[in-house]
C-alpha atoms as a PDB file:
ATOM      1  CA  MET A   1       8.389 -11.930  47.718  1.00  0.00           C
ATOM      2  CA  ALA A   2       6.706 -11.973  51.096  1.00  0.00           C
ATOM      3  CA  ARG A   3       3.634 -14.178  51.440  1.00  0.00           C
ATOM      4  CA  LEU A   4       0.348 -12.598  52.350  1.00  0.00           C
ATOM      5  CA  THR A   5      -0.690 -13.973  55.706  1.00  0.00           C
ATOM      6  CA  ASN A   6      -4.034 -12.250  55.901  1.00  0.00           C
ATOM      7  CA  PRO A   7      -6.609 -14.054  53.674  1.00  0.00           C
ATOM      8  CA  VAL A   8      -8.996 -11.073  53.826  1.00  0.00           C
ATOM      9  CA  LEU A   9      -6.287  -8.792  52.430  1.00  0.00           C
ATOM     10  CA  ALA A  10      -5.518 -11.298  49.673  1.00  0.00           C
ATOM     11  CA  LEU A  11      -9.196 -11.505  48.747  1.00  0.00           C
ATOM     12  CA  ALA A  12      -9.529  -7.697  48.689  1.00  0.00           C
ATOM     13  CA  LEU A  13      -6.488  -7.355  46.407  1.00  0.00           C
ATOM     14  CA  ALA A  14      -7.929  -9.946  44.033  1.00  0.00           C
ATOM     15  CA  PHE A  15     -10.980  -7.726  43.356  1.00  0.00           C
ATOM     16  CA  VAL A  16      -9.125  -4.415  42.897  1.00  0.00           C
ATOM     17  CA  PRO A  17      -8.923  -4.740  39.082  1.00  0.00           C
ATOM     18  CA  ALA A  18     -12.684  -5.354  38.935  1.00  0.00           C
ATOM     19  CA  LEU A  19     -13.301  -2.006  40.627  1.00  0.00           C
ATOM     20  CA  ALA A  20     -11.756  -0.007  37.755  1.00  0.00           C
ATOM     21  CA  PRO A  21     -14.334   0.710  35.022  1.00  0.00           C
ATOM     22  CA  ALA A  22     -13.428  -0.864  31.682  1.00  0.00           C
ATOM     23  CA  ASP A  23     -14.179   2.315  29.716  1.00  0.00           C
ATOM     24  CA  VAL A  24     -11.481   4.211  31.606  1.00  0.00           C
ATOM     25  CA  LEU A  25      -8.705   1.856  30.530  1.00  0.00           C
ATOM     26  CA  PRO A  26      -7.543   2.507  26.942  1.00  0.00           C
ATOM     27  CA  ASP A  27      -7.405  -0.406  24.521  1.00  0.00           C
ATOM     28  CA  PRO A  28      -3.700  -0.866  23.660  1.00  0.00           C
ATOM     29  CA  THR A  29      -4.594  -2.515  20.328  1.00  0.00           C
ATOM     30  CA  ARG A  30      -6.855   0.301  19.117  1.00  0.00           C
ATOM     31  CA  PRO A  31      -5.408   2.458  16.282  1.00  0.00           C
ATOM     32  CA  PRO A  32      -4.589   6.091  17.083  1.00  0.00           C
ATOM     33  CA  ALA A  33      -7.509   8.518  16.984  1.00  0.00           C
ATOM     34  CA  ALA A  34      -6.013  10.345  13.991  1.00  0.00           C
ATOM     35  CA  LEU A  35      -6.330   7.201  11.878  1.00  0.00           C
ATOM     36  CA  LEU A  36      -9.877   6.565  13.015  1.00  0.00           C
ATOM     37  CA  ALA A  37     -10.983  10.101  12.129  1.00  0.00           C
ATOM     38  CA  ALA A  38      -9.977   9.806   8.436  1.00  0.00           C
ATOM     39  CA  PRO A  39     -12.459  11.414   6.034  1.00  0.00           C
ATOM     40  CA  ALA A  40     -15.037   9.063   4.530  1.00  0.00           C
ATOM     41  CA  ALA A  41     -14.165  10.105   0.961  1.00  0.00           C
ATOM     42  CA  ALA A  42     -10.579   8.984   1.422  1.00  0.00           C
ATOM     43  CA  ALA A  43     -11.743   5.644   2.790  1.00  0.00           C
ATOM     44  CA  SER A  44     -14.021   5.009  -0.193  1.00  0.00           C
ATOM     45  CA  GLU A  45     -11.291   5.802  -2.746  1.00  0.00           C
ATOM     46  CA  PRO A  46      -8.084   3.960  -1.878  1.00  0.00           C
ATOM     47  CA  ALA A  47      -4.940   5.706  -3.026  1.00  0.00           C
ATOM     48  CA  GLN A  48      -3.396   3.907  -5.977  1.00  0.00           C
ATOM     49  CA  ALA A  49       0.307   3.276  -6.027  1.00  0.00           C
ATOM     50  CA  PRO A  50       2.171   4.745  -8.998  1.00  0.00           C
ATOM     51  CA  LEU A  51       2.501   2.468 -12.004  1.00  0.00           C
ATOM     52  CA  THR A  52       5.799   0.631 -12.244  1.00  0.00           C
ATOM     53  CA  LEU A  53       7.170  -1.006 -15.381  1.00  0.00           C
ATOM     54  CA  GLN A  54       8.690  -4.315 -14.329  1.00  0.00           C
ATOM     55  CA  SER A  55       9.333  -6.109 -17.614  1.00  0.00           C
ATOM     56  CA  VAL A  56       8.823  -5.915 -21.363  1.00  0.00           C
ATOM     57  CA  LEU A  57       8.188  -8.981 -23.512  1.00  0.00           C
ATOM     58  CA  LEU A  58       9.168  -8.577 -27.153  1.00  0.00           C
ATOM     59  CA  GLY A  59       9.774 -11.217 -29.757  1.00  0.00           C
ATOM     60  CA  LYS A  60       9.368 -12.095 -33.401  1.00  0.00           C
ATOM     61  CA  GLY A  61       5.824 -13.193 -34.141  1.00  0.00           C
ATOM     62  CA  ARG A  62       4.354 -12.200 -30.773  1.00  0.00           C
ATOM     63  CA  THR A  63       2.301  -9.257 -29.631  1.00  0.00           C
ATOM     64  CA  PRO A  64       4.451  -6.925 -27.530  1.00  0.00           C
ATOM     65  CA  ALA A  65       3.551  -7.120 -23.857  1.00  0.00           C
ATOM     66  CA  ALA A  66       4.652  -5.568 -20.593  1.00  0.00           C
ATOM     67  CA  VAL A  67       4.343  -6.282 -16.903  1.00  0.00           C
ATOM     68  CA  ILE A  68       3.113  -3.093 -15.248  1.00  0.00           C
ATOM     69  CA  SER A  69       2.666  -3.137 -11.472  1.00  0.00           C
ATOM     70  CA  GLY A  70       2.362  -6.923 -11.522  1.00  0.00           C
ATOM     71  CA  GLU A  71      -0.204  -7.041 -14.351  1.00  0.00           C
ATOM     72  CA  LEU A  72       0.545  -8.478 -17.803  1.00  0.00           C
ATOM     73  CA  VAL A  73      -0.718  -6.033 -20.447  1.00  0.00           C
ATOM     74  CA  LEU A  74      -0.612  -6.445 -24.232  1.00  0.00           C
ATOM     75  CA  GLN A  75       0.068  -3.533 -26.563  1.00  0.00           C
ATOM     76  CA  GLY A  76      -3.289  -1.882 -27.148  1.00  0.00           C
ATOM     77  CA  GLY A  77      -4.624  -3.140 -23.812  1.00  0.00           C
ATOM     78  CA  LEU A  78      -5.653  -1.183 -20.736  1.00  0.00           C
ATOM     79  CA  VAL A  79      -3.994  -0.778 -17.371  1.00  0.00           C
ATOM     80  CA  ARG A  80      -6.197   1.168 -14.946  1.00  0.00           C
ATOM     81  CA  ASP A  81      -7.686   3.821 -17.244  1.00  0.00           C
ATOM     82  CA  LEU A  82      -4.649   4.077 -19.543  1.00  0.00           C
ATOM     83  CA  ARG A  83      -4.257   2.521 -23.005  1.00  0.00           C
ATOM     84  CA  VAL A  84      -0.872   0.971 -23.921  1.00  0.00           C
ATOM     85  CA  LEU A  85       0.216   2.769 -27.100  1.00  0.00           C
ATOM     86  CA  ARG A  86       3.769   1.476 -27.606  1.00  0.00           C
ATOM     87  CA  ILE A  87       6.091  -1.035 -26.006  1.00  0.00           C
ATOM     88  CA  THR A  88       9.825  -0.768 -26.714  1.00  0.00           C
ATOM     89  CA  GLU A  89      12.940  -2.390 -25.310  1.00  0.00           C
ATOM     90  CA  ARG A  90      13.323   0.419 -22.795  1.00  0.00           C
ATOM     91  CA  GLY A  91       9.798   1.414 -21.897  1.00  0.00           C
ATOM     92  CA  VAL A  92       6.071   1.734 -22.424  1.00  0.00           C
ATOM     93  CA  VAL A  93       3.981   4.701 -23.568  1.00  0.00           C
ATOM     94  CA  LEU A  94       0.492   4.926 -22.046  1.00  0.00           C
ATOM     95  CA  LYS A  95      -2.310   7.321 -22.996  1.00  0.00           C
ATOM     96  CA  GLY A  96      -5.129   8.399 -20.719  1.00  0.00           C
ATOM     97  CA  PRO A  97      -7.452  11.288 -19.989  1.00  0.00           C
ATOM     98  CA  ARG A  98      -4.551  13.420 -18.754  1.00  0.00           C
ATOM     99  CA  GLY A  99      -2.301  12.775 -21.750  1.00  0.00           C
ATOM    100  CA  GLU A 100       0.614  10.463 -22.362  1.00  0.00           C
ATOM    101  CA  LEU A 101       2.712   8.803 -19.693  1.00  0.00           C
ATOM    102  CA  THR A 102       6.032   7.049 -20.335  1.00  0.00           C
ATOM    103  CA  LEU A 103       7.247   4.298 -18.030  1.00  0.00           C
ATOM    104  CA  THR A 104      10.866   3.193 -18.325  1.00  0.00           C
ATOM    105  CA  LEU A 105      12.580   0.044 -17.142  1.00  0.00           C
ATOM    106  CA  LEU A 106      15.591   1.884 -15.812  1.00  0.00           C
ATOM    107  CA  PRO A 107      15.518   5.363 -14.322  1.00  0.00           C
ATOM    108  CA  ALA A 108      17.321   8.100 -16.224  1.00  0.00           C
ATOM    109  CA  LEU A 109      20.928   8.315 -15.114  1.00  0.00           C
ATOM    110  CA  PRO A 110      22.188  11.718 -14.019  1.00  0.00           C
ATOM    111  CA  GLU A 111      24.728  13.356 -16.290  1.00  0.00           C
ATOM    112  CA  THR A 112      28.230  13.167 -14.882  1.00  0.00           C
ATOM    113  CA  SER A 113      31.049  15.480 -15.874  1.00  0.00           C
ATOM    114  CA  ARG A 114      34.457  14.008 -16.510  1.00  0.00           C
END
């Protein structure tokens, strides 16, 4: 690159960025406006991920238990606002204000014709 021989020109070019107002330049780290304009109600109530049955713990002489969304819950206990009614080898039955919900360890397999 060619060297600047005029020191006045070099000094003038050094102050060019200072002439641009800071409020005109967008902040590249700022989230998009659509995310910033989210309703306040949605921000106060975070969306809960669906419950996932990860494991069941059954054994002679122990209270049945299950791991639901990373939380160990005993039969009869609560997860979120749901009571654990039954724990079986294949799933868990929960009861809440909206009725019963069954979580299974393995998803139902589609029927295949032979």
